[in-house]
Amino acid sequence: MNDQSPFNIISEKGENITESSQAKASDLNSRIEGLINSSDVFLFMKGNPDFPQCGFSANAVGILNQVGVQFKSFDILSDPEIRQGVKDFANWPTYPQLWYKGQLIGGNDIMMEMYHSGELEKVLK
């Protein structure tokens, strides 16, 4: 958009809100991609692996520990921007979210199904 676009919204300070919002979203997506790509197996969860803050996150950690894979995690309760941003990025509304090599595997229910069928171990190892 250029400055003459009728869709630009200018703040009282003269900032182009539309452009600054787009830049902020781009920065957020870069942060999210950086987190996801920081490990082959990445879990967005409530709390941390040593102290999960919900039953679903605790279950996800338990499954990953049973499978025996190394993983990194991020506590979405520590950053509201990341918490909402990952939902939008993934188009997935709930947590935990398991990612493998940059691809969303799914949440707790999918992890449970894949774990019980043996598919999760095949995918992650």
Foldseek 3Di string as FASTA:
>chain_A
DDPPDPPFDADPVRDGVVVVVVVVLVVLVVVVQCQLQPDQKEKEAADAQVDGPDPQRVLVSVLCVVLPDDYYYDHCVVPVSNVVSVCVVLVANDDTWIHGNSHTQGGSVSSVVCSVVVNVSVVRD
